[in-house]
Each structure stands twice: as C-alpha cells, then as structure tokens.
C-alpha cells in the first residue's frame, strides 16, 4: 500500500475504489462456498465497504491536515503575522497550491518588512524635525506629538493621550491667542530682547475614516532675521544708488554754475539750474514714495460709489473705464486705493501702450470686487512677473520699484490680493481683488 500513498489525491481515491471492488469480488467468491450467492454478495459488500471507507479516510487525512494548515495561515495573515509557511511532500495540484501559498506569504512578509522600515524612517524624520507636529483625533486628544512638540508644549513630557485643550491651557497666552484665531498665522514668544517668531499651520484630513487635525508650529526667527538683513542691505543699496544718481550731477552742475558766474557766462546758468531742479525733484519724489510705502497706515474703509470714485480718478490720469454694475458701491479707503490705481495706470501708460488702450475695469465677482488695469504694451517676461511685486524691484532706468509693491501692500491691507498676467494679444493685466 505504500505505493498508493505516493500518488496524488484523485488517483489515490481511484485506486482505493478499484481495490475495494476487487476486494468485494474476492470476498464474494470465498463466501459462496458456505453461503447462498445473495448472502455472500451482501456480506462481501459490507466487508469491502468498511475497508474502503477506512482507506479513503486514511488517504484524505494528509489533505485535511493541509487544508487546516492553510486556513490557519490565512488567519495569521489576516492578523498581520506573515512568519508561517507550509511544508508538503506530495506533488500535483495540492503541491502547486502550497507553493503558491508560500510564495504569497513571502511576498507579504517582504512588503511588511518594507513598510516597517519606511515607518521607522518616517518616525525618525518626524521625531527629529525642528517643526513641532501634533496630530489630534476627533475627540481632541493627541495621537502624536514629536520631540519638538514635547519641548514646546509639554515641558519635554509625552503628549500622546492627553486632551489637546488641556495642554494648550498650560501654554503661553500668545500660543492660545494664535489658536483662538482659528486660522494659520504668526505669533511671537519671549521678550523684546529674546523674541522668537513662530508660524502656526493647521490642516484637517481623513485618517481611518475619521477627521483628524495636524498642527505644525515652525520657528521662523532665524530665517526672518536673515531675510530682514537682506532686505535692509537691498534698501541701503537702492537708496545709495538713487542718492548718488541725483547728488553727483547736482554737485557737478553747482560747480559748473559757479564757474559760469566767475566767467560771466550768465546765459548758460538757466540750463544748469533747471537740471539741478529736475534732479532735486526726482530725489524728493523718491524719498516721498519711500516714506509713503514705509509708513502706510491701516486703511479706513468707507462705503464709496464706484462711479464717483472713477470720475475723480479720471481727473488725474487718462483711461477708458467699464463698471458692472454701474450703481455698485465698494467699501475701501478711497485715498489709498486712488494712490494704488494712479501708480498702476501710470505704469500702463509707460508700458508702450497707446493711451486709448489703457482701461480700468471694475466688476462684481461673487462677494468681491475685481479691479483690472489693462494695457496693450510690451507685457512682462517670466522673470519680471516673478519679481515685479517685490519692493525696490524695477526694470525702469529711473524707477524706484515701489509702485507695484505699494499697490500690493494696499490690496493686502484691505484683505484682498493682487496678480499680474500677460494678456493674449499683447499687454498686461494687473488684477486686484477686494472684499466688498
């Protein structure tokens, strides 16, 4: 019978069936010597059936054990344990099934190991980043707080499991005020001599089907101080350049005027004095624009009919206009917005555009007002578009680089924003979006 065990399951069962039939026939022939034919056949069938059933159960026991092992490993995979494998000596279809099952286990084990390594890498990065990170679940309890968060909010202790509101109540008043505003923003901690500047960022997302909140607190002191130093250096360079451009010719012309007076050439004095006056007025305008940009007060928004505002603006600079609706009323600081639009309209006239192609379009967009200054000049290349709104950036020979920066400052002070884009067909569109 050992040869029968080495066969696959289906041929093995077929062999047992044939063996049972032969056994029944042999038993019937033996019993017919003492019993009637029908009695001998019945007894032979009973004997052969019992032996066949026993052989079938014995033949199927390895397969049943294999199926139990397969079910057990599948349960282990479901629980996240991929360390099990199955050994099977037989071949055939069951051998292929066991091989495929073991290959699946190996693949899942490799993937699990890769995920664990990635989780370890991510956890190392999260824990060692200088940005304080806090993950909050829907019940307002802290799920994760990295080392920076522990130092900033927990005095070095673990934050996981604690109520975030309770942790927040123990922090500095500036931190609580920043969270109370309900949006991203900046706040300061410490005294004037030792002040740190932080940026608060809050984002909500779904994790495991539930809404979680991720809070990021980033220390910006060093970066802002570096940017502040760079800005002051640039301011000093621009001011020095403008002063030199004006004072040098003034000094030279003053010396020339003195020489003309000494020689009695009075007819050439008016030209020299006119140039001195022109350079002095340019310098005066530069300092005035710089002071205006540096000391821009908070806007005093009042309800203002757009039609009246546009007519007053047209008395100072030429442009065509569109207003939708014509009886619209905006809420803004008229003096500041007039100042910003005069700068933009003058830029449009200086862009190489025909005077009649300079237009001011004001229209209602949802709950906001969109103001567009349009021209058909040369437009801007990508580099200029990226830097045009920065203070002191100018492509003009005698430009101060404050016009667009001042317009941006005024728009943002009103809670709006400004954008620049080239128009199809040539020209530039400067768009301001102001809340109503």
Protein backbone atom coordinates (compact mmCIF):
# COMPACT_ATOMS: atom_id res chain seq x y z
CA UNK A 1 0.00 0.00 0.00
CA UNK A 2 2.99 2.35 0.30
CA UNK A 3 3.00 2.94 -3.45
CA UNK A 4 -0.63 4.11 -3.17
CA UNK A 5 0.29 6.83 -0.64
CA UNK A 6 2.75 8.39 -3.05
CA UNK A 7 0.02 9.02 -5.66
CA UNK A 8 -1.86 12.37 -5.89
CA UNK A 9 -5.23 12.53 -4.11
CA UNK A 10 -7.53 11.88 -7.09
CA UNK A 11 -5.58 8.89 -8.50
CA UNK A 12 -5.21 7.62 -4.94
CA UNK A 13 -9.01 7.64 -4.41
CA UNK A 14 -9.50 5.95 -7.78
CA UNK A 15 -7.01 3.25 -6.80
CA UNK A 16 -8.80 2.69 -3.47
CA UNK A 17 -12.14 2.35 -5.31
CA UNK A 18 -10.70 -0.25 -7.67
CA UNK A 19 -9.11 -2.04 -4.73
CA UNK A 20 -12.49 -2.05 -2.90
CA UNK A 21 -14.25 -3.57 -5.91
CA UNK A 22 -11.65 -6.31 -6.27
CA UNK A 23 -11.81 -6.99 -2.53
CA UNK A 24 -15.61 -7.28 -2.68
CA UNK A 25 -15.40 -9.75 -5.59
CA UNK A 26 -12.76 -11.86 -3.83
CA UNK A 27 -14.77 -11.94 -0.61
CA UNK A 28 -17.90 -12.97 -2.51
CA UNK A 29 -16.09 -15.86 -4.21
CA UNK A 30 -14.79 -17.12 -0.87
CA UNK A 31 -18.14 -16.84 0.91
CA UNK A 32 -20.10 -18.56 -1.87
CA UNK A 33 -18.64 -21.90 -0.70
CA UNK A 34 -20.63 -21.66 2.54
CA UNK A 35 -23.47 -19.19 1.84
CA UNK A 36 -26.09 -18.52 -0.72
CA UNK A 37 -24.99 -16.24 -3.58
CA UNK A 38 -27.09 -13.23 -2.46
CA UNK A 39 -25.97 -13.55 1.18
CA UNK A 40 -22.35 -13.90 0.15
CA UNK A 41 -22.64 -10.75 -2.04
CA UNK A 42 -24.14 -8.72 0.82
CA UNK A 43 -21.54 -9.77 3.36
CA UNK A 44 -18.73 -9.16 0.82
CA UNK A 45 -20.04 -5.67 0.12
CA UNK A 46 -20.15 -4.85 3.84
CA UNK A 47 -16.59 -6.08 4.38
CA UNK A 48 -15.24 -4.33 1.28
CA UNK A 49 -17.16 -1.09 2.05
CA UNK A 50 -15.78 -0.86 5.57
CA UNK A 51 -12.24 -1.46 4.45
CA UNK A 52 -12.65 1.05 1.56
CA UNK A 53 -14.04 3.75 3.86
CA UNK A 54 -11.13 3.29 6.24
CA UNK A 55 -8.66 3.50 3.38
CA UNK A 56 -10.37 6.65 1.97
CA UNK A 57 -10.26 8.40 5.35
CA UNK A 58 -6.62 7.47 5.75
CA UNK A 59 -5.86 8.67 2.21
CA UNK A 60 -7.61 12.01 2.80
CA UNK A 61 -6.16 12.71 6.26
CA UNK A 62 -2.99 14.46 4.88
CA UNK A 63 -5.15 16.65 2.60
CA UNK A 64 -7.45 17.52 5.52
CA UNK A 65 -4.44 18.43 7.65
CA UNK A 66 -3.15 20.55 4.78
CA UNK A 67 -6.49 22.39 4.49
CA UNK A 68 -6.46 23.07 8.24
CA UNK A 69 -2.91 24.43 7.94
CA UNK A 70 -3.94 26.64 5.02
CA UNK A 71 -6.89 28.02 7.00
CA UNK A 72 -4.60 28.69 9.98
CA UNK A 73 -2.01 30.59 7.92
CA UNK A 74 -4.72 32.65 6.21
CA UNK A 75 -5.96 33.62 9.69
CA UNK A 76 -2.41 34.57 10.66
CA UNK A 77 -2.08 36.72 7.52
CA UNK A 78 -5.32 38.45 8.44
CA UNK A 79 -3.86 39.25 11.88
CA UNK A 80 -0.68 40.64 10.33
CA UNK A 81 1.58 37.67 11.11
CA UNK A 82 3.41 36.51 7.98
CA UNK A 83 6.00 34.27 9.63
CA UNK A 84 4.23 30.95 8.84
CA UNK A 85 4.92 28.57 5.97
CA UNK A 86 3.61 25.12 4.96
CA UNK A 87 5.64 22.02 4.04
CA UNK A 88 4.11 19.49 1.61
CA UNK A 89 5.94 16.48 0.21
CA UNK A 90 3.32 15.50 -2.32
CA UNK A 91 3.05 16.97 -5.77
CA UNK A 92 0.10 17.52 -8.05
CA UNK A 93 -2.47 20.28 -7.69
CA UNK A 94 -2.10 20.45 -3.90
CA UNK A 95 1.64 20.86 -4.28
CA UNK A 96 1.10 23.81 -6.64
CA UNK A 97 -1.42 25.30 -4.18
CA UNK A 98 1.06 25.04 -1.28
CA UNK A 99 3.85 26.56 -3.39
CA UNK A 100 1.61 29.50 -4.41
CA UNK A 101 0.52 29.98 -0.79
CA UNK A 102 4.12 30.04 0.45
CA UNK A 103 5.07 32.49 -2.32
CA UNK A 104 2.19 34.75 -1.23
CA UNK A 105 3.42 34.60 2.35
CA UNK A 106 6.95 35.51 1.26
CA UNK A 107 5.66 38.47 -0.76
CA UNK A 108 3.50 39.72 2.12
CA UNK A 109 6.40 39.29 4.52
CA UNK A 110 8.73 41.31 2.27
CA UNK A 111 6.11 44.04 1.87
CA UNK A 112 5.52 44.15 5.61
CA UNK A 113 9.24 44.45 6.27
CA UNK A 114 9.50 47.26 3.71
CA UNK A 115 6.56 49.08 5.33
CA UNK A 116 8.10 48.69 8.77
CA UNK A 117 11.39 50.14 7.52
CA UNK A 118 9.54 53.06 5.91
CA UNK A 119 7.57 53.65 9.11
CA UNK A 120 10.80 53.68 11.10
CA UNK A 121 12.34 56.15 8.65
CA UNK A 122 9.23 58.37 8.72
CA UNK A 123 9.05 58.24 12.51
CA UNK A 124 12.73 59.16 12.77
CA UNK A 125 12.20 62.12 10.45
CA UNK A 126 9.05 63.26 12.28
CA UNK A 127 10.64 62.96 15.71
CA UNK A 128 13.82 64.81 14.75
CA UNK A 129 12.38 67.62 12.63
CA UNK A 130 12.62 71.08 14.23
CA UNK A 131 8.97 71.70 13.35
CA UNK A 132 6.62 70.90 16.24
CA UNK A 133 3.99 68.42 14.97
CA UNK A 134 0.80 67.46 16.83
CA UNK A 135 -1.83 65.06 15.47
CA UNK A 136 -5.27 65.43 17.10
CA UNK A 137 -8.13 62.92 16.83
CA UNK A 138 -11.85 63.82 16.58
CA UNK A 139 -12.19 63.70 20.39
CA UNK A 140 -9.50 66.43 20.65
CA UNK A 141 -6.94 64.05 22.15
CA UNK A 142 -3.33 63.99 20.98
CA UNK A 143 -2.44 60.95 18.88
CA UNK A 144 1.14 62.00 18.09
CA UNK A 145 3.46 64.70 19.37
CA UNK A 146 7.06 64.74 18.19
CA UNK A 147 10.09 65.79 20.24
CA UNK A 148 9.84 69.45 19.21
CA UNK A 149 6.18 69.50 20.28
CA UNK A 150 7.06 67.94 23.63
CA UNK A 151 9.69 70.60 24.27
CA UNK A 152 7.38 73.43 23.25
CA UNK A 153 4.05 72.34 24.74
CA UNK A 154 4.77 69.57 27.24
CA UNK A 155 7.98 70.57 29.02
CA UNK A 156 9.68 67.52 27.49
CA UNK A 157 6.99 65.01 28.55
CA UNK A 158 5.00 62.75 26.23
CA UNK A 159 1.82 64.28 24.85
CA UNK A 160 0.09 61.20 23.44
CA UNK A 161 -3.30 60.51 25.06
CA UNK A 162 -3.65 63.95 26.65
CA UNK A 163 -6.51 66.32 25.85
CA UNK A 164 -5.16 68.95 23.48
CA UNK A 165 -7.23 71.76 25.03
CA UNK A 166 -5.76 70.94 28.45
CA UNK A 167 -2.23 71.02 27.03
CA UNK A 168 -2.99 74.29 25.26
CA UNK A 169 -4.31 75.84 28.50
CA UNK A 170 -0.86 75.38 30.08
CA UNK A 171 0.99 77.23 27.30
CA UNK A 172 1.85 80.90 26.85
CA UNK A 173 -1.01 83.34 26.18
CA UNK A 174 0.41 84.14 22.73
CA UNK A 175 0.09 80.47 21.72
CA UNK A 176 -3.51 80.33 22.97
CA UNK A 177 -4.38 83.52 21.09
CA UNK A 178 -2.88 82.13 17.88
CA UNK A 179 -5.06 79.00 18.13
CA UNK A 180 -8.11 81.06 19.09
CA UNK A 181 -7.92 82.91 15.75
CA UNK A 182 -8.80 79.62 14.07
CA UNK A 183 -6.53 80.00 11.04
CA UNK A 184 -2.90 79.96 10.02
CA UNK A 185 -0.78 82.82 11.28
CA UNK A 186 2.32 84.03 13.09
CA UNK A 187 2.93 84.81 16.75
CA UNK A 188 5.85 85.72 18.98
CA UNK A 189 7.12 84.33 22.26
CA UNK A 190 9.54 85.86 24.71
CA UNK A 191 10.68 89.39 25.48
CA UNK A 192 11.86 92.05 23.07
CA UNK A 193 15.50 91.16 23.78
CA UNK A 194 14.95 87.42 23.29
CA UNK A 195 11.94 87.09 20.99
CA UNK A 196 11.09 84.02 18.91
CA UNK A 197 8.72 84.14 15.94
CA UNK A 198 6.58 81.08 15.10
CA UNK A 199 4.26 80.19 12.25
CA UNK A 200 1.13 78.17 13.04
CA UNK A 201 -0.34 75.92 10.36
CA UNK A 202 -3.45 73.74 10.82
CA UNK A 203 -4.83 71.16 8.38
CA UNK A 204 -7.68 68.62 8.66
CA UNK A 205 -7.75 65.28 6.81
CA UNK A 206 -9.38 61.85 6.98
CA UNK A 207 -7.47 59.07 8.73
CA UNK A 208 -9.09 55.63 9.08
CA UNK A 209 -12.42 57.17 8.11
CA UNK A 210 -12.28 59.86 10.82
CA UNK A 211 -11.34 63.54 10.62
CA UNK A 212 -8.02 64.35 12.30
CA UNK A 213 -6.22 67.69 12.63
CA UNK A 214 -2.49 68.17 12.05
CA UNK A 215 -0.91 71.17 13.79
CA UNK A 216 2.53 72.45 12.73
CA UNK A 217 4.49 75.06 14.70
CA UNK A 218 7.58 76.26 12.86
CA UNK A 219 10.26 78.52 14.36
CA UNK A 220 10.97 81.31 11.86
CA UNK A 221 13.19 83.61 13.90
CA UNK A 222 16.49 82.81 12.18
CA UNK A 223 15.01 82.80 8.69
CA UNK A 224 13.13 86.08 9.21
CA UNK A 225 16.20 87.76 10.66
CA UNK A 226 18.25 86.61 7.70
CA UNK A 227 15.58 87.94 5.31
CA UNK A 228 15.41 91.18 7.32
CA UNK A 229 19.16 91.70 6.99
CA UNK A 230 19.00 91.01 3.24
CA UNK A 231 16.10 93.45 2.87
CA UNK A 232 17.93 96.20 4.75
CA UNK A 233 21.01 95.65 2.60
CA UNK A 234 18.89 95.97 -0.51
CA UNK A 235 17.18 99.10 0.81
CA UNK A 236 20.55 100.69 1.56
CA UNK A 237 21.83 99.81 -1.93
CA UNK A 238 18.74 101.30 -3.61
CA UNK A 239 18.81 104.48 -1.52
CA UNK A 240 22.56 104.88 -2.07
CA UNK A 241 22.10 104.38 -5.81
CA UNK A 242 19.32 106.98 -6.01
CA UNK A 243 21.20 109.49 -3.87
CA UNK A 244 24.36 109.10 -5.93
CA UNK A 245 22.43 109.41 -9.21
CA UNK A 246 20.97 112.72 -8.06
CA UNK A 247 23.65 114.23 -5.83
CA UNK A 248 26.54 113.60 -8.19
CA UNK A 249 25.08 115.65 -11.09
CA UNK A 250 23.80 118.30 -8.65
CA UNK A 251 27.31 118.74 -7.20
CA UNK A 252 28.84 118.78 -10.68
CA UNK A 253 26.33 121.33 -12.00
CA UNK A 254 26.70 123.51 -8.89
CA UNK A 255 30.43 123.61 -9.53
CA UNK A 256 29.81 124.38 -13.20
CA UNK A 257 27.39 127.17 -12.25
CA UNK A 258 29.97 128.76 -10.02
CA UNK A 259 32.47 128.68 -12.89
CA UNK A 260 29.91 130.24 -15.25
CA UNK A 261 29.28 133.03 -12.77
CA UNK A 262 33.01 133.63 -12.37
CA UNK A 263 33.43 133.84 -16.14
CA UNK A 264 30.34 136.00 -16.58
CA UNK A 265 28.59 133.44 -18.83
CA UNK A 266 25.17 134.09 -17.34
CA UNK A 267 23.24 132.87 -20.40
CA UNK A 268 24.17 129.24 -19.64
CA UNK A 269 23.10 129.37 -15.99
CA UNK A 270 19.35 128.67 -16.52
CA UNK A 271 20.04 125.28 -18.14
CA UNK A 272 22.33 124.24 -15.30
CA UNK A 273 19.85 125.39 -12.67
CA UNK A 274 16.98 123.61 -14.47
CA UNK A 275 18.91 120.33 -14.39
CA UNK A 276 19.68 120.82 -10.70
CA UNK A 277 15.98 121.42 -10.04
CA UNK A 278 14.96 118.32 -12.04
CA UNK A 279 17.37 116.05 -10.13
CA UNK A 280 16.35 117.55 -6.79
CA UNK A 281 12.65 116.99 -7.54
CA UNK A 282 13.38 113.41 -8.61
CA UNK A 283 15.18 112.82 -5.33
CA UNK A 284 12.33 114.45 -3.43
CA UNK A 285 9.82 112.18 -5.17
CA UNK A 286 11.86 109.09 -4.41
CA UNK A 287 12.09 109.90 -0.70
CA UNK A 288 8.38 110.76 -0.60
CA UNK A 289 7.42 107.46 -2.25
CA UNK A 290 9.69 105.51 0.08
CA UNK A 291 8.26 107.24 3.16
CA UNK A 292 4.73 106.60 1.92
CA UNK A 293 5.47 102.90 1.43
CA UNK A 294 7.22 102.57 4.80
CA UNK A 295 4.52 104.40 6.78
CA UNK A 296 1.34 103.18 5.10
CA UNK A 297 -1.42 103.50 7.73
CA UNK A 298 -4.20 100.95 8.24
CA UNK A 299 -6.98 101.55 5.68
CA UNK A 300 -10.13 103.35 6.81
CA UNK A 301 -12.76 101.62 4.69
CA UNK A 302 -15.93 103.56 3.91
CA UNK A 303 -18.82 102.90 1.52
CA UNK A 304 -17.91 104.62 -1.77
CA UNK A 305 -19.87 104.67 -5.07
CA UNK A 306 -17.60 103.32 -7.77
CA UNK A 307 -18.91 105.77 -10.39
CA UNK A 308 -17.92 108.79 -8.34
CA UNK A 309 -14.56 107.27 -7.45
CA UNK A 310 -13.72 106.52 -11.11
CA UNK A 311 -14.62 110.06 -12.22
CA UNK A 312 -12.38 111.53 -9.52
CA UNK A 313 -9.58 109.20 -10.60
CA UNK A 314 -10.01 110.18 -14.27
CA UNK A 315 -9.35 113.83 -13.37
CA UNK A 316 -5.74 112.84 -12.58
CA UNK A 317 -4.89 110.34 -15.30
CA UNK A 318 -6.46 109.39 -18.64
CA UNK A 319 -8.09 105.95 -19.14
CA UNK A 320 -11.19 104.25 -20.51
CA UNK A 321 -13.42 102.53 -17.98
CA UNK A 322 -16.04 99.81 -17.53
CA UNK A 323 -18.20 99.38 -14.43
CA UNK A 324 -20.54 96.42 -13.74
CA UNK A 325 -22.98 97.16 -12.18
CA UNK A 326 -22.98 100.89 -12.80
CA UNK A 327 -24.56 101.67 -9.43
CA UNK A 328 -22.09 99.49 -7.49
CA UNK A 329 -20.81 100.61 -4.11
CA UNK A 330 -17.49 99.37 -2.74
CA UNK A 331 -16.10 99.52 0.75
CA UNK A 332 -12.47 100.66 0.82
CA UNK A 333 -10.13 103.51 1.73
CA UNK A 334 -10.59 105.93 -1.21
CA UNK A 335 -7.26 107.74 -0.70
CA UNK A 336 -5.20 104.55 -0.55
CA UNK A 337 -6.94 102.83 -3.45
CA UNK A 338 -6.63 106.02 -5.54
CA UNK A 339 -2.93 106.08 -4.79
CA UNK A 340 -2.53 102.44 -5.84
CA UNK A 341 -4.53 102.83 -9.07
CA UNK A 342 -2.74 106.03 -10.11
CA UNK A 343 0.55 104.11 -9.88
CA UNK A 344 -0.87 101.22 -11.91
CA UNK A 345 -2.43 103.48 -14.57
CA UNK A 346 0.80 105.47 -14.95
CA UNK A 347 2.69 102.20 -15.37
CA UNK A 348 0.20 101.21 -18.08
CA UNK A 349 0.82 104.49 -19.94
CA UNK A 350 4.58 103.97 -19.63
CA UNK A 351 4.41 100.38 -20.95
CA UNK A 352 4.44 101.43 -24.60
CA UNK A 353 0.67 101.08 -24.90
CA UNK A 354 -1.44 103.58 -26.83
CA UNK A 355 -3.19 105.96 -24.45
CA UNK A 356 -6.64 104.87 -25.63
CA UNK A 357 -5.82 101.21 -24.90
CA UNK A 358 -5.34 101.85 -21.16
CA UNK A 359 -8.54 100.69 -19.45
CA UNK A 360 -9.87 100.33 -15.92
CA UNK A 361 -12.48 97.59 -15.47
CA UNK A 362 -14.42 97.21 -12.21
CA UNK A 363 -16.90 94.36 -11.84
CA UNK A 364 -18.65 92.47 -9.06
CA UNK A 365 -17.46 88.87 -8.68
CA UNK A 366 -19.48 86.84 -6.14
CA UNK A 367 -18.89 88.67 -2.83
CA UNK A 368 -15.81 90.61 -4.04
CA UNK A 369 -14.90 93.42 -6.41
CA UNK A 370 -12.37 92.73 -9.17
CA UNK A 371 -10.42 95.76 -10.44
CA UNK A 372 -8.37 95.31 -13.62
CA UNK A 373 -5.89 97.76 -15.13
CA UNK A 374 -5.34 96.74 -18.77
CA UNK A 375 -2.88 97.94 -21.41
CA UNK A 376 -1.50 96.85 -24.79
CA UNK A 377 2.16 97.42 -24.02
CA UNK A 378 5.07 95.02 -24.16
CA UNK A 379 3.95 92.91 -21.18
CA UNK A 380 6.43 91.17 -18.89
CA UNK A 381 8.66 88.13 -19.24
CA UNK A 382 8.58 85.32 -16.68
CA UNK A 383 11.47 86.67 -14.59
CA UNK A 384 9.89 90.13 -14.30
CA UNK A 385 6.46 88.66 -13.48
CA UNK A 386 8.00 86.64 -10.65
CA UNK A 387 9.70 89.68 -9.07
CA UNK A 388 7.59 92.69 -10.11
CA UNK A 389 5.68 92.87 -6.81
CA UNK A 390 8.81 92.85 -4.66
CA UNK A 391 9.83 96.18 -3.10
CA UNK A 392 12.64 98.04 -4.92
CA UNK A 393 12.50 95.74 -7.96
CA UNK A 394 12.30 97.80 -11.15
CA UNK A 395 13.26 97.44 -14.81
CA UNK A 396 13.00 101.19 -15.44
CA UNK A 397 16.14 103.26 -15.62
CA UNK A 398 14.90 105.76 -13.03
CA UNK A 399 12.27 103.58 -11.35
CA UNK A 400 12.10 103.20 -7.58
CA UNK A 401 10.49 99.74 -7.59
CA UNK A 402 7.82 100.87 -5.11
CA UNK A 403 4.72 101.40 -7.29
CA UNK A 404 3.61 97.78 -7.62
CA UNK A 405 4.83 96.93 -4.13
CA UNK A 406 2.72 99.76 -2.72
CA UNK A 407 -0.33 98.55 -4.68
CA UNK A 408 0.21 95.08 -3.27
CA UNK A 409 0.55 96.47 0.27
CA UNK A 410 -2.70 98.43 -0.10
CA UNK A 411 -4.61 95.47 -1.57
CA UNK A 412 -3.48 93.09 1.17
CA UNK A 413 -4.19 95.70 3.88
CA UNK A 414 -7.80 95.68 2.61
CA UNK A 415 -7.91 91.86 2.89
CA UNK A 416 -7.52 91.40 -0.87
CA UNK A 417 -4.78 90.36 -3.26
CA UNK A 418 -3.11 91.42 -6.49
CA UNK A 419 -1.98 89.43 -9.53
CA UNK A 420 -0.11 90.17 -12.76
CA UNK A 421 -0.57 88.31 -16.03
CA UNK A 422 0.21 88.89 -19.67
CA UNK A 423 -2.80 89.41 -21.94
CA UNK A 424 -3.48 87.38 -25.03
CA UNK A 425 -2.60 89.57 -27.98
CA UNK A 426 -0.05 91.59 -26.01
CA UNK A 427 -0.12 93.81 -22.98
CA UNK A 428 -0.50 93.35 -19.24
CA UNK A 429 -3.41 92.87 -16.83
CA UNK A 430 -2.98 93.94 -13.22
CA UNK A 431 -5.87 92.47 -11.22
CA UNK A 432 -6.86 93.50 -7.70
CA UNK A 433 -9.48 91.54 -5.80
CA UNK A 434 -11.02 93.43 -2.87
CA UNK A 435 -13.69 92.18 -0.44
CA UNK A 436 -16.97 94.07 -0.62
